[in-house]
Amino acid sequence: MAETTKRKRKRAPRSRRAGCLRLLAVLIVTPLFLCACGVVGMHVYISFPVQRVIYGLKQNTNPALWAAKESDMIALSCWKGIYTLYPDGSNLRNIHHGYIIGYRSELPWSVDGIWLAAPLHGLTEWRQGEVFNMRFDGSSSRRLTFNYTEDEHVHWSPDDRGLYYVNADRMYWVSADGREMRELKELWRIGRSLSPVAWSPDGEWLVYEVHSYRDNLTEVRFRNYGGAGSNFELQVKDKVDDIVWAPDSDRVALETDDLMYVYSLKNESYDFEIKLNVVRAAWSPNGRWMALQIYNPGAETRSLKLFDTLNGDIQPLFDGAGFSPTWSPDNEWIAFTKGVDDRQLFKIRRDGRDLQQLTDLDCDIKVASWSPR
């Protein structure tokens, strides 16, 4: 029987060219594979710090595109986005395509009148309210928060270095560039999720409401951060809907369903108790007057009135719907939205003269805010 011998086939040595081709294929395929994974996992959870870095790379922060602000402007919001325009109604432009929802949302301006901030909602990318700030001309927009829950009650810090906001009954500070964030841990609970909260313009006082539904009690808490005063609380008869500081940081208006209180920190007492259903109040820049949006339950209408804090007089300005009053820097004009189904922006003099329509948009204006110069 012949003996058979199995011989092992020797593998031919790999050429240098084949190795280079294989390396090149790996270099090409790997990025394509990673991109595909990114597309597939677009809606998969990514940590917030990574989101912040990715979004920061997309932002337009080229100072060469930033125009100089030549005068005061009015900002407004509807479902189509954030707009700015001059006080005469000219130069209307959409500076951001996010929109604000919520009954008492605001568009706060930075102290220098250059930047706007707001908790904005997106139609597709971001469904919850995220904090943005943007320049008046739309040349730069920054997303500052990346949360899966609602951000509310956005306020600029007095030094313009950052913004305060409330999320899930806790208050946070985020820097204006979005790089720093911290929680005010001493305020363990602001109250209910829609609790009003407001910083004094000088940054020394934080005021917020805590309402107990079980006991039907409302407490307004004053917390001092400037070192010149002590913390204290006020008992209010009804749930507080809004808190509005005077420009001098010495007085604060507390709005409830049936009353508005004006409390003086200097006198440690109430200066006024207005027995009207004030829906929204706005102090004039000099602190003397307040523009009041009044709800008339019997007639189911709203009106605009002027309250003189020097003598307590209340004068009618406009009968009919008047929402979101905001003052010009010279204390002469009040801008507000008029209408119910098709709300447009108007302005009127402090004495009730010269009513002028400023916009004719095909969207319902929710919020208006007049900038500093």
Protein backbone atom coordinates (compact mmCIF):
# COMPACT_ATOMS: atom_id res chain seq x y z
CA MET A 1 0.00 0.00 0.00
CA ALA A 2 1.53 3.16 -1.10
CA GLU A 3 2.07 5.68 1.57
CA THR A 4 0.53 9.03 0.82
CA THR A 5 1.94 12.18 2.15
CA LYS A 6 -0.19 15.29 2.74
CA ARG A 7 1.57 18.41 1.94
CA LYS A 8 0.56 21.71 3.47
CA ARG A 9 -0.08 24.45 0.98
CA LYS A 10 2.16 27.35 1.67
CA ARG A 11 0.47 30.77 1.70
CA ALA A 12 2.09 33.17 -0.67
CA PRO A 13 3.69 36.15 1.03
CA ARG A 14 1.47 39.26 1.07
CA SER A 15 2.66 41.98 -1.20
CA ARG A 16 3.24 45.51 0.05
CA ARG A 17 0.64 46.78 -2.41
CA ALA A 18 -2.08 44.52 -1.02
CA GLY A 19 -1.31 45.68 2.53
CA CYS A 20 -1.57 49.30 1.50
CA LEU A 21 -4.88 48.67 -0.22
CA ARG A 22 -6.28 46.96 2.86
CA LEU A 23 -5.17 49.83 5.10
CA LEU A 24 -6.73 52.31 2.70
CA ALA A 25 -10.01 50.38 2.72
CA VAL A 26 -10.07 50.43 6.53
CA LEU A 27 -9.45 54.16 6.57
CA ILE A 28 -12.34 54.74 4.15
CA VAL A 29 -14.86 52.28 5.57
CA THR A 30 -14.38 53.16 9.25
CA PRO A 31 -15.53 56.82 9.01
CA LEU A 32 -18.47 55.75 6.84
CA PHE A 33 -19.45 53.15 9.41
CA LEU A 34 -19.21 55.68 12.25
CA CYS A 35 -21.32 58.19 10.31
CA ALA A 36 -23.94 55.51 9.69
CA CYS A 37 -24.01 54.71 13.39
CA GLY A 38 -24.45 58.40 14.10
CA VAL A 39 -27.42 58.65 11.74
CA VAL A 40 -29.05 55.53 13.15
CA GLY A 41 -28.45 56.64 16.72
CA MET A 42 -29.40 60.28 16.19
CA HIS A 43 -32.33 60.09 18.60
CA VAL A 44 -30.55 57.84 21.09
CA TYR A 45 -29.58 59.40 24.40
CA ILE A 46 -26.32 61.32 24.31
CA SER A 47 -24.89 62.88 27.45
CA PHE A 48 -25.64 66.57 27.87
CA PRO A 49 -21.96 67.63 27.95
CA VAL A 50 -21.42 65.95 24.56
CA GLN A 51 -24.54 67.65 23.19
CA ARG A 52 -23.25 70.98 24.44
CA VAL A 53 -19.89 70.51 22.70
CA ILE A 54 -21.50 69.40 19.42
CA TYR A 55 -23.96 72.28 19.43
CA GLY A 56 -21.22 74.74 20.31
CA LEU A 57 -19.35 73.77 17.15
CA LYS A 58 -22.43 74.60 15.09
CA GLN A 59 -23.05 78.03 16.57
CA ASN A 60 -22.32 81.19 14.68
CA THR A 61 -20.00 83.17 16.92
CA ASN A 62 -18.12 85.21 14.34
CA PRO A 63 -17.80 88.75 15.75
CA ALA A 64 -17.28 90.09 12.23
CA LEU A 65 -20.99 89.45 11.58
CA TRP A 66 -22.19 91.33 14.65
CA ALA A 67 -23.80 94.65 13.78
CA ALA A 68 -23.81 97.64 16.12
CA LYS A 69 -27.07 98.45 17.88
CA GLU A 70 -28.03 101.99 16.94
CA SER A 71 -31.23 102.50 18.97
CA ASP A 72 -33.73 100.80 21.22
CA MET A 73 -35.85 98.03 19.67
CA ILE A 74 -38.92 95.96 20.43
CA ALA A 75 -38.77 92.16 20.50
CA LEU A 76 -41.84 89.98 20.06
CA SER A 77 -42.69 86.31 19.81
CA CYS A 78 -45.26 84.27 17.91
CA TRP A 79 -45.34 80.68 16.67
CA LYS A 80 -43.16 81.62 13.69
CA GLY A 81 -40.25 82.72 15.88
CA ILE A 82 -38.64 85.70 17.60
CA TYR A 83 -38.78 89.06 15.81
CA THR A 84 -37.23 92.47 16.43
CA LEU A 85 -38.24 95.83 14.96
CA TYR A 86 -37.65 99.53 15.50
CA PRO A 87 -40.19 101.50 17.59
CA ASP A 88 -41.65 103.05 14.42
CA GLY A 89 -42.47 99.57 13.06
CA SER A 90 -39.64 99.44 10.50
CA ASN A 91 -36.91 96.84 10.01
CA LEU A 92 -38.99 93.86 11.13
CA ARG A 93 -36.90 90.69 11.01
CA ASN A 94 -37.11 87.14 12.28
CA ILE A 95 -33.98 86.53 14.34
CA HIS A 96 -34.76 83.03 15.62
CA HIS A 97 -37.12 80.28 14.48
CA GLY A 98 -37.86 78.86 17.92
CA TYR A 99 -41.08 79.95 19.59
CA ILE A 100 -42.29 80.68 23.11
CA ILE A 101 -45.34 79.04 24.61
CA GLY A 102 -46.73 79.61 28.07
CA TYR A 103 -49.06 82.13 29.60
CA ARG A 104 -46.45 84.25 31.37
CA SER A 105 -43.34 83.79 29.30
CA GLU A 106 -41.05 86.75 28.81
CA LEU A 107 -38.33 87.99 26.45
CA PRO A 108 -35.81 89.57 28.83
CA TRP A 109 -33.13 91.86 27.40
CA SER A 110 -29.62 91.99 28.76
CA VAL A 111 -28.73 95.17 30.63
CA ASP A 112 -26.73 96.48 27.65
CA GLY A 113 -29.71 95.89 25.33
CA ILE A 114 -27.74 93.64 22.96
CA TRP A 115 -28.91 90.13 23.84
CA LEU A 116 -32.33 88.52 24.26
CA ALA A 117 -33.05 85.37 26.24
CA ALA A 118 -36.01 83.03 26.31
CA PRO A 119 -37.08 79.44 26.96
CA LEU A 120 -37.80 78.35 23.38
CA HIS A 121 -39.53 75.37 21.82
CA GLY A 122 -38.70 73.85 18.47
CA LEU A 123 -41.04 72.20 16.01
CA THR A 124 -38.75 69.19 15.47
CA GLU A 125 -35.32 69.32 17.12
CA TRP A 126 -36.14 70.38 20.69
CA ARG A 127 -39.69 69.89 21.91
CA GLN A 128 -39.20 71.06 25.50
CA GLY A 129 -38.36 74.60 26.54
CA GLU A 130 -34.60 75.12 26.32
CA VAL A 131 -32.84 78.36 27.29
CA PHE A 132 -31.44 80.33 24.35
CA ASN A 133 -29.88 83.75 24.05
CA MET A 134 -29.54 85.63 20.79
CA ARG A 135 -28.33 88.97 19.49
CA PHE A 136 -30.87 91.61 18.49
CA ASP A 137 -29.89 91.23 14.80
CA GLY A 138 -29.91 87.42 14.75
CA SER A 139 -26.20 87.19 13.94
CA SER A 140 -25.58 84.82 16.82
CA SER A 141 -27.82 82.39 18.68
CA ARG A 142 -26.74 80.15 21.54
CA ARG A 143 -28.49 77.17 23.06
CA LEU A 144 -27.54 77.12 26.74
CA THR A 145 -29.44 74.15 28.21
CA PHE A 146 -29.93 70.54 27.13
CA ASN A 147 -32.71 69.05 29.26
CA TYR A 148 -35.63 66.71 28.78
CA THR A 149 -37.87 68.82 31.03
CA GLU A 150 -39.21 72.35 30.81
CA ASP A 151 -36.99 75.39 31.54
CA GLU A 152 -38.90 78.44 32.78
CA HIS A 153 -38.65 81.88 34.42
CA VAL A 154 -35.50 83.01 32.61
CA HIS A 155 -33.81 86.13 34.06
CA TRP A 156 -30.53 87.83 33.20
CA SER A 157 -28.09 88.31 36.05
CA PRO A 158 -27.44 92.04 36.70
CA ASP A 159 -23.85 91.76 35.41
CA ASP A 160 -25.00 90.19 32.09
CA ARG A 161 -22.60 87.28 32.66
CA GLY A 162 -25.32 84.66 32.78
CA LEU A 163 -28.96 83.73 33.20
CA TYR A 164 -31.04 82.23 35.96
CA TYR A 165 -33.78 79.76 35.16
CA VAL A 166 -36.02 77.22 36.88
CA ASN A 167 -36.14 73.54 35.96
CA ALA A 168 -38.14 70.93 37.88
CA ASP A 169 -38.62 73.26 40.86
CA ARG A 170 -34.91 74.00 41.15
CA MET A 171 -33.06 77.15 40.16
CA TYR A 172 -29.88 77.18 38.08
CA TRP A 173 -27.41 79.71 36.74
CA VAL A 174 -25.85 79.26 33.30
CA SER A 175 -23.18 81.48 31.81
CA ALA A 176 -24.08 83.54 28.75
CA ASP A 177 -21.80 81.38 26.58
CA GLY A 178 -23.18 78.11 27.99
CA ARG A 179 -19.85 76.86 29.31
CA GLU A 180 -20.62 77.05 33.03
CA MET A 181 -23.65 75.91 34.99
CA ARG A 182 -24.47 75.59 38.66
CA GLU A 183 -27.47 74.95 40.85
CA LEU A 184 -28.53 77.25 43.67
CA LYS A 185 -28.62 74.36 46.10
CA GLU A 186 -29.71 76.44 49.05
CA LEU A 187 -33.05 76.84 47.25
CA TRP A 188 -33.93 73.18 47.46
CA ARG A 189 -37.45 73.72 46.19
CA ILE A 190 -38.82 76.82 44.48
CA GLY A 191 -42.41 75.65 44.93
CA ARG A 192 -44.81 74.34 42.35
CA SER A 193 -43.53 73.92 38.81
CA LEU A 194 -45.06 77.17 37.53
CA SER A 195 -44.17 79.21 40.61
CA PRO A 196 -43.20 82.81 39.80
CA VAL A 197 -39.65 83.76 40.72
CA ALA A 198 -37.83 87.06 40.17
CA TRP A 199 -34.44 88.61 40.90
CA SER A 200 -34.23 92.25 41.90
CA PRO A 201 -32.49 94.41 39.26
CA ASP A 202 -29.52 94.98 41.59
CA GLY A 203 -29.11 91.22 42.10
CA GLU A 204 -29.44 91.40 45.89
CA TRP A 205 -32.87 89.83 46.36
CA LEU A 206 -34.51 86.70 45.04
CA VAL A 207 -38.28 86.43 45.56
CA TYR A 208 -40.37 83.34 44.94
CA GLU A 209 -43.69 81.87 45.99
CA VAL A 210 -44.39 78.64 47.83
CA HIS A 211 -48.03 77.61 47.72
CA SER A 212 -49.49 74.75 49.75
CA TYR A 213 -52.52 73.26 48.04
CA ARG A 214 -53.25 71.09 51.05
CA ASP A 215 -53.49 74.05 53.44
CA ASN A 216 -54.35 76.63 50.75
CA LEU A 217 -51.63 78.93 52.11
CA THR A 218 -49.28 81.12 50.10
CA GLU A 219 -45.91 82.35 51.32
CA VAL A 220 -43.70 84.78 49.41
CA ARG A 221 -40.06 84.28 50.36
CA PHE A 222 -37.41 87.00 50.13
CA ARG A 223 -33.84 85.71 50.06
CA ASN A 224 -30.99 88.20 50.33
CA TYR A 225 -27.77 87.66 48.37
CA GLY A 226 -26.24 91.11 48.80
CA GLY A 227 -25.48 90.97 52.51
CA ALA A 228 -27.41 94.17 53.32
CA GLY A 229 -30.63 92.53 54.49
CA SER A 230 -32.10 89.49 56.19
CA ASN A 231 -34.29 86.79 54.73
CA PHE A 232 -38.01 87.08 55.46
CA GLU A 233 -41.40 85.81 54.36
CA LEU A 234 -44.77 87.39 53.60
CA GLN A 235 -48.13 85.69 53.97
CA VAL A 236 -50.44 86.47 51.05
CA LYS A 237 -54.17 85.78 50.92
CA ASP A 238 -54.18 84.08 47.53
CA LYS A 239 -51.86 82.27 45.13
CA VAL A 240 -49.37 84.67 43.52
CA ASP A 241 -49.42 84.66 39.72
CA ASP A 242 -46.56 87.05 39.01
CA ILE A 243 -43.76 88.96 40.76
CA VAL A 244 -42.48 92.20 39.19
CA TRP A 245 -39.62 94.29 40.60
CA ALA A 246 -39.37 98.06 40.34
CA PRO A 247 -36.21 99.37 38.65
CA ASP A 248 -34.89 100.74 41.97
CA SER A 249 -35.05 97.25 43.57
CA ASP A 250 -36.87 98.80 46.57
CA ARG A 251 -40.45 97.84 45.63
CA VAL A 252 -42.00 94.69 44.26
CA ALA A 253 -45.48 94.04 42.87
CA LEU A 254 -47.21 90.78 43.78
CA GLU A 255 -50.11 89.84 41.51
CA THR A 256 -52.91 87.50 42.60
CA ASP A 257 -56.25 86.65 40.97
CA ASP A 258 -58.13 89.56 42.58
CA LEU A 259 -55.51 91.91 44.05
CA MET A 260 -52.13 93.44 43.35
CA TYR A 261 -49.87 94.33 46.29
CA VAL A 262 -46.94 96.75 46.05
CA TYR A 263 -44.51 95.98 48.85
CA SER A 264 -41.74 98.40 49.90
CA LEU A 265 -38.57 96.85 51.29
CA LYS A 266 -37.48 100.25 52.60
CA ASN A 267 -40.68 100.80 54.60
CA GLU A 268 -41.17 97.09 55.29
CA SER A 269 -44.85 97.46 54.49
CA TYR A 270 -47.34 97.50 51.63
CA ASP A 271 -47.51 100.82 49.82
CA PHE A 272 -50.58 99.90 47.77
CA GLU A 273 -53.27 97.26 47.58
CA ILE A 274 -55.05 97.50 44.22
CA LYS A 275 -58.41 95.74 44.11
CA LEU A 276 -58.32 94.84 40.43
CA ASN A 277 -57.65 91.64 38.57
CA VAL A 278 -54.19 92.54 37.26
CA VAL A 279 -53.05 89.98 34.69
CA ARG A 280 -49.72 91.64 33.86
CA ALA A 281 -47.90 94.67 35.25
CA ALA A 282 -44.88 96.56 33.87
CA TRP A 283 -42.91 99.26 35.69
CA SER A 284 -41.76 102.33 33.79
CA PRO A 285 -37.95 102.70 33.62
CA ASN A 286 -38.04 105.61 36.11
CA GLY A 287 -40.15 103.55 38.54
CA ARG A 288 -43.01 106.07 38.85
CA TRP A 289 -45.72 104.43 36.72
CA MET A 290 -47.00 100.96 36.07
CA ALA A 291 -48.82 99.78 32.96
CA LEU A 292 -51.51 97.33 34.05
CA GLN A 293 -53.28 94.75 31.97
CA ILE A 294 -56.67 94.36 33.69
CA TYR A 295 -59.09 91.48 33.25
CA ASN A 296 -62.80 92.30 33.59
CA PRO A 297 -64.52 89.01 34.52
CA GLY A 298 -68.07 90.24 34.01
CA ALA A 299 -67.50 91.56 30.50
CA GLU A 300 -64.86 88.92 29.62
CA THR A 301 -62.62 91.72 28.30
CA ARG A 302 -59.18 93.14 29.02
CA SER A 303 -58.10 96.75 29.25
CA LEU A 304 -54.88 98.73 29.65
CA LYS A 305 -54.57 101.19 32.54
CA LEU A 306 -51.87 103.50 33.93
CA PHE A 307 -51.10 103.41 37.66
CA ASP A 308 -49.27 106.40 39.18
CA THR A 309 -47.31 105.15 42.21
CA LEU A 310 -46.74 108.75 43.35
CA ASN A 311 -50.38 109.45 44.19
CA GLY A 312 -52.14 106.12 43.61
CA ASP A 313 -54.23 107.32 40.64
CA ILE A 314 -55.34 104.81 37.99
CA GLN A 315 -56.16 106.15 34.51
CA PRO A 316 -57.61 104.20 31.55
CA LEU A 317 -55.41 103.98 28.46
CA PHE A 318 -57.09 101.50 26.15
CA ASP A 319 -60.38 99.60 26.42
CA GLY A 320 -60.32 96.18 24.86
CA ALA A 321 -57.70 93.48 24.72
CA GLY A 322 -54.27 94.73 25.75
CA PHE A 323 -51.58 92.15 26.46
CA SER A 324 -47.92 92.11 27.43
CA PRO A 325 -47.37 95.86 28.14
CA THR A 326 -43.77 97.06 27.89
CA TRP A 327 -42.23 100.55 28.26
CA SER A 328 -39.97 102.63 26.05
CA PRO A 329 -36.68 103.73 27.68
CA ASP A 330 -37.82 107.39 27.82
CA ASN A 331 -41.00 106.54 29.83
CA GLU A 332 -43.23 108.04 27.11
CA TRP A 333 -44.59 105.06 25.18
CA ILE A 334 -46.18 101.72 26.07
CA ALA A 335 -46.17 98.89 23.54
CA PHE A 336 -48.77 96.15 23.88
CA THR A 337 -50.56 93.53 21.82
CA LYS A 338 -54.14 94.20 20.76
CA GLY A 339 -56.66 91.70 19.52
CA VAL A 340 -57.90 88.26 20.50
CA ASP A 341 -57.69 85.92 17.49
CA ASP A 342 -55.20 88.01 15.51
CA ARG A 343 -53.05 89.76 18.08
CA GLN A 344 -50.84 92.54 16.65
CA LEU A 345 -48.40 94.98 18.23
CA PHE A 346 -49.44 98.56 19.00
CA LYS A 347 -47.97 101.43 20.94
CA ILE A 348 -49.61 104.35 22.77
CA ARG A 349 -48.36 107.38 24.65
CA ARG A 350 -48.46 107.42 28.42
CA ASP A 351 -51.29 109.97 28.34
CA GLY A 352 -53.41 107.81 26.01
CA ARG A 353 -52.70 109.68 22.76
CA ASP A 354 -51.28 108.58 19.40
CA LEU A 355 -52.30 104.93 19.19
CA GLN A 356 -50.21 103.33 16.41
CA GLN A 357 -50.15 99.84 14.90
CA LEU A 358 -46.60 98.50 14.43
CA THR A 359 -47.05 95.00 12.96
CA ASP A 360 -49.25 93.13 10.51
CA LEU A 361 -48.02 89.56 10.92
CA ASP A 362 -49.98 86.43 10.04
CA CYS A 363 -49.33 84.96 13.48
CA ASP A 364 -50.67 85.64 16.96
CA ILE A 365 -48.17 87.70 18.97
CA LYS A 366 -47.79 86.33 22.51
CA VAL A 367 -45.02 88.36 24.13
CA ALA A 368 -43.45 91.81 23.55
CA SER A 369 -40.42 93.39 25.21
CA TRP A 370 -38.90 96.87 24.68
CA SER A 371 -35.11 96.98 24.91
CA PRO A 372 -32.89 99.46 26.74
CA ARG A 373 -31.09 101.81 24.38
